[in-house]
Protein backbone atom coordinates (compact mmCIF):
# COMPACT_ATOMS: atom_id res chain seq x y z
CA MET A 1 8.08 9.79 -0.10
CA ALA A 2 5.76 6.95 1.19
CA GLY A 3 3.08 9.71 -0.35
CA VAL A 4 4.54 9.93 -3.95
CA THR A 5 4.57 6.06 -4.29
CA ALA A 6 1.18 5.75 -2.94
CA LEU A 7 -0.53 8.08 -5.65
CA GLN A 8 1.57 6.99 -8.38
CA GLY A 9 1.40 3.33 -7.27
CA LEU A 10 -3.04 3.28 -7.38
CA ARG A 11 -3.28 6.58 -10.32
CA ASP A 12 -0.96 5.84 -13.02
CA VAL A 13 0.99 2.64 -12.43
CA GLY A 14 -3.12 0.74 -11.53
CA GLN A 15 -5.23 3.60 -12.88
CA VAL A 16 -7.75 3.89 -9.63
CA ARG A 17 -11.01 4.69 -11.51
CA PRO A 18 -14.74 6.13 -9.69
CA GLY A 19 -15.96 3.58 -8.97
CA GLN A 20 -13.47 0.10 -8.90
CA LYS A 21 -12.46 -1.95 -5.89
CA VAL A 22 -9.00 -1.50 -4.97
CA LEU A 23 -7.05 -4.08 -2.57
CA VAL A 24 -4.01 -2.25 -0.76
CA ASN A 25 -1.73 -5.48 1.68
CA GLY A 26 -0.13 -3.48 4.09
CA ALA A 27 -2.46 -1.06 4.71
CA SER A 28 -1.18 0.65 8.79
CA GLY A 29 1.65 0.53 6.91
CA GLY A 30 3.57 4.73 5.64
CA VAL A 31 2.70 4.10 2.13
CA GLY A 32 -0.03 1.72 3.09
CA THR A 33 -2.20 4.58 4.70
CA PHE A 34 -1.91 7.42 2.46
CA ALA A 35 -3.57 4.30 -0.47
CA VAL A 36 -6.36 4.20 2.10
CA GLN A 37 -6.78 7.57 1.76
CA LEU A 38 -5.70 7.92 -1.97
CA THR A 39 -7.71 5.59 -3.10
CA ARG A 40 -10.56 7.31 -1.59
CA ALA A 41 -10.32 10.43 -2.34
CA LEU A 42 -10.05 8.97 -6.12
CA GLY A 43 -13.27 7.48 -5.95
CA ALA A 44 -12.58 3.87 -5.04
CA GLU A 45 -13.76 1.38 -2.65
CA VAL A 46 -10.55 0.37 -0.19
CA THR A 47 -10.23 -3.00 1.54
CA GLY A 48 -7.44 -2.25 3.62
CA VAL A 49 -5.15 -5.86 5.28
CA CYS A 50 -3.52 -4.77 7.81
CA SER A 51 -2.29 -7.36 11.35
CA ARG A 52 -5.25 -6.90 14.23
CA ARG A 53 -3.41 -4.59 15.40
CA ASN A 54 -4.59 -2.21 12.97
CA LEU A 55 -7.64 -2.76 11.86
CA GLU A 56 -8.96 0.45 13.85
CA LEU A 57 -6.48 2.61 11.94
CA VAL A 58 -6.70 1.75 8.47
CA ARG A 59 -11.13 1.73 9.30
CA SER A 60 -10.27 5.35 10.58
CA LEU A 61 -8.16 6.51 7.57
CA GLY A 62 -11.86 5.61 5.80
CA ALA A 63 -11.28 1.74 4.21
CA ASP A 64 -15.20 0.42 3.33
CA HIS A 65 -13.44 -2.86 4.57
CA VAL A 66 -10.92 -4.85 6.95
CA VAL A 67 -8.77 -8.04 6.50
CA ASP A 68 -6.81 -9.55 10.16
CA ASP A 69 -3.69 -11.33 8.20
CA THR A 70 -3.69 -12.89 11.03
CA ARG A 71 -6.88 -15.04 10.90
CA GLU A 72 -7.28 -14.78 7.64
CA ASP A 73 -5.90 -14.80 4.43
CA VAL A 74 -6.35 -12.57 1.60
CA THR A 75 -6.04 -14.35 -1.28
CA ARG A 76 -8.47 -17.21 1.10
CA ARG A 77 -11.63 -15.09 -0.06
CA GLY A 78 -13.00 -15.05 -3.08
CA ALA A 79 -13.36 -11.21 -3.44
CA ARG A 80 -12.11 -9.90 -6.67
CA TYR A 81 -10.55 -5.96 -6.65
CA ASP A 82 -9.85 -3.99 -9.68
CA VAL A 83 -6.43 -3.64 -8.35
CA VAL A 84 -4.09 -4.99 -6.44
CA LEU A 85 -1.48 -2.50 -5.14
CA ASP A 86 0.95 -5.36 -2.97
CA LEU A 87 3.16 -3.71 -0.13
CA VAL A 88 4.66 -6.97 1.60
CA GLY A 89 4.39 -8.89 -0.13
CA ASN A 90 3.33 -12.08 1.47
CA HIS A 91 1.89 -14.61 -0.85
CA PRO A 92 2.41 -16.15 -4.27
CA LEU A 93 1.99 -14.45 -7.41
CA ALA A 94 -0.47 -16.94 -8.70
CA ASP A 95 -2.11 -16.06 -4.98
CA CYS A 96 -2.30 -12.34 -5.41
CA ARG A 97 -3.53 -12.93 -9.36
CA ARG A 98 -6.27 -14.84 -7.87
CA LEU A 99 -7.33 -11.49 -6.03
CA LEU A 100 -7.74 -10.21 -9.38
CA THR A 101 -10.70 -9.49 -11.43
CA PRO A 102 -9.26 -11.36 -15.72
CA ASP A 103 -9.23 -7.36 -16.40
CA GLY A 104 -7.87 -6.41 -12.83
CA ILE A 105 -3.75 -5.33 -12.22
CA LEU A 106 -1.96 -6.03 -9.82
CA VAL A 107 0.81 -3.15 -8.95
CA LEU A 108 3.99 -4.20 -6.75
CA SER A 109 5.58 -1.78 -4.77
CA SER A 110 7.23 -4.37 -1.86
CA GLY A 111 10.31 -4.95 0.02
CA GLY A 112 9.94 -8.96 0.19
CA GLY A 113 11.30 -11.52 -1.14
CA GLY A 114 15.02 -13.27 -0.84
CA PRO A 115 17.67 -13.28 1.09
CA VAL A 116 19.48 -12.05 -1.31
CA VAL A 117 17.79 -10.54 -4.66
CA GLY A 118 15.30 -8.92 -2.53
CA PRO A 119 11.87 -8.63 -4.08
CA LEU A 120 14.12 -8.73 -7.71
CA GLY A 121 13.32 -12.48 -8.55
CA ARG A 122 9.55 -11.41 -8.03
CA TYR A 123 9.03 -8.75 -10.46
CA LEU A 124 11.24 -10.63 -12.99
CA ARG A 125 8.73 -13.10 -13.04
CA ALA A 126 5.94 -10.53 -13.03
CA LEU A 127 6.75 -8.69 -15.03
CA LEU A 128 7.76 -12.19 -18.21
CA LEU A 129 4.12 -12.48 -16.70
CA SER A 130 2.59 -10.20 -17.14
CA PRO A 131 2.42 -10.39 -21.38
CA PHE A 132 0.26 -13.68 -21.52
CA VAL A 133 -2.11 -13.03 -19.04
CA GLY A 134 -4.41 -10.68 -19.71
CA GLN A 135 -3.87 -9.25 -16.16
CA ARG A 136 -1.89 -6.49 -15.67
CA LEU A 137 1.13 -7.35 -13.07
CA ARG A 138 3.18 -3.96 -12.63
CA VAL A 139 6.29 -2.92 -11.26
CA HIS A 140 6.05 0.47 -9.20
CA ALA A 141 8.82 1.55 -6.91
CA ALA A 142 8.25 6.01 -7.33
CA LYS A 143 10.16 8.81 -8.75
CA PRO A 144 9.71 12.77 -6.73
CA ARG A 145 8.12 14.57 -9.15
CA HIS A 146 7.29 18.40 -7.48
CA GLU A 147 3.78 18.06 -9.82
CA ASP A 148 2.66 15.45 -7.37
CA LEU A 149 3.52 16.15 -4.12
CA ASP A 150 1.70 19.42 -4.87
CA ALA A 151 -0.72 16.78 -6.40
CA LEU A 152 -0.93 15.25 -2.22
CA ARG A 153 -0.71 19.07 -0.44
CA GLU A 154 -3.48 19.73 -2.20
CA LEU A 155 -5.14 17.13 -0.45
CA VAL A 156 -3.86 17.73 2.80
CA GLU A 157 -5.11 21.10 2.57
CA GLY A 158 -8.46 20.44 1.55
CA GLY A 159 -9.23 17.60 4.42
CA GLY A 160 -8.47 14.76 1.45
CA VAL A 161 -6.06 12.94 3.73
CA THR A 162 -4.21 12.95 6.60
CA PRO A 163 -0.93 11.80 7.76
CA ALA A 164 -1.49 9.53 10.25
CA ILE A 165 1.78 9.78 12.82
CA GLU A 166 1.87 7.00 15.87
CA ARG A 167 4.41 8.83 17.53
CA THR A 168 6.44 10.95 17.71
CA PHE A 169 10.31 11.66 19.62
CA PRO A 170 12.63 14.65 19.56
CA LEU A 171 15.16 14.92 18.37
CA GLN A 172 18.03 13.45 20.76
CA ASP A 173 14.90 10.83 20.77
CA THR A 174 16.25 9.57 17.32
CA ALA A 175 18.14 6.71 18.39
CA GLU A 176 14.82 5.21 20.58
CA ALA A 177 13.15 6.35 17.68
CA VAL A 178 14.87 3.65 15.46
CA ARG A 179 14.95 1.34 18.27
CA PHE A 180 11.13 1.65 18.32
CA PHE A 181 10.60 1.96 14.27
CA ALA A 182 12.59 -1.64 13.90
CA GLU A 183 11.62 -3.89 16.91
CA GLN A 184 7.58 -2.49 16.62
CA HIS A 185 6.86 -3.07 13.40
CA ALA A 186 5.19 0.49 13.90
CA ARG A 187 1.99 1.27 11.56
CA ALA A 188 2.22 4.36 10.49
CA LYS A 189 4.45 6.83 10.02
CA LEU A 190 7.15 7.55 13.06
CA MET A 191 8.43 11.92 13.62
CA ILE A 192 10.99 13.55 15.03
CA THR A 193 10.27 17.24 16.49
CA VAL A 194 12.96 19.63 15.93
């Protein structure tokens, strides 16, 4: 599902094209690790935003540039992107729009937000604002489709995308895997072996 979310968010919603500049906010998470690689596969330049401990992981996945979000606010750098894939939701919409070119696309696909409605308030604000600005503000929730799984399979088999696995756990240690995920903020994905 992480791969499908990244593929649809970039290719379909973000309409990423060769030569464009793309920013992935949350580049070291499950969706983000796929997004960095898929951006490269689509022929675009990718900047990954993550914490310091994940910089090398994101570089190893093919990011052209990385930003340490523990030291630098990416929205204050002055760089502009054709597409921003926001997988974190840690910046106000106005700051995210500042990252975009005048006709850029912001793709919101994050679990952040308030304690009651989660990201829904942010999503609604983006959808209401989008018709009145030159930039396109889009909300993305993946829809599993057989053809997208086939596209991912082909990319993996061809070596263009490699699922990033931080750690594997045997089936009997599933509870430990869940604890690790909750406490360590796992980068990439965890795998349970059967």
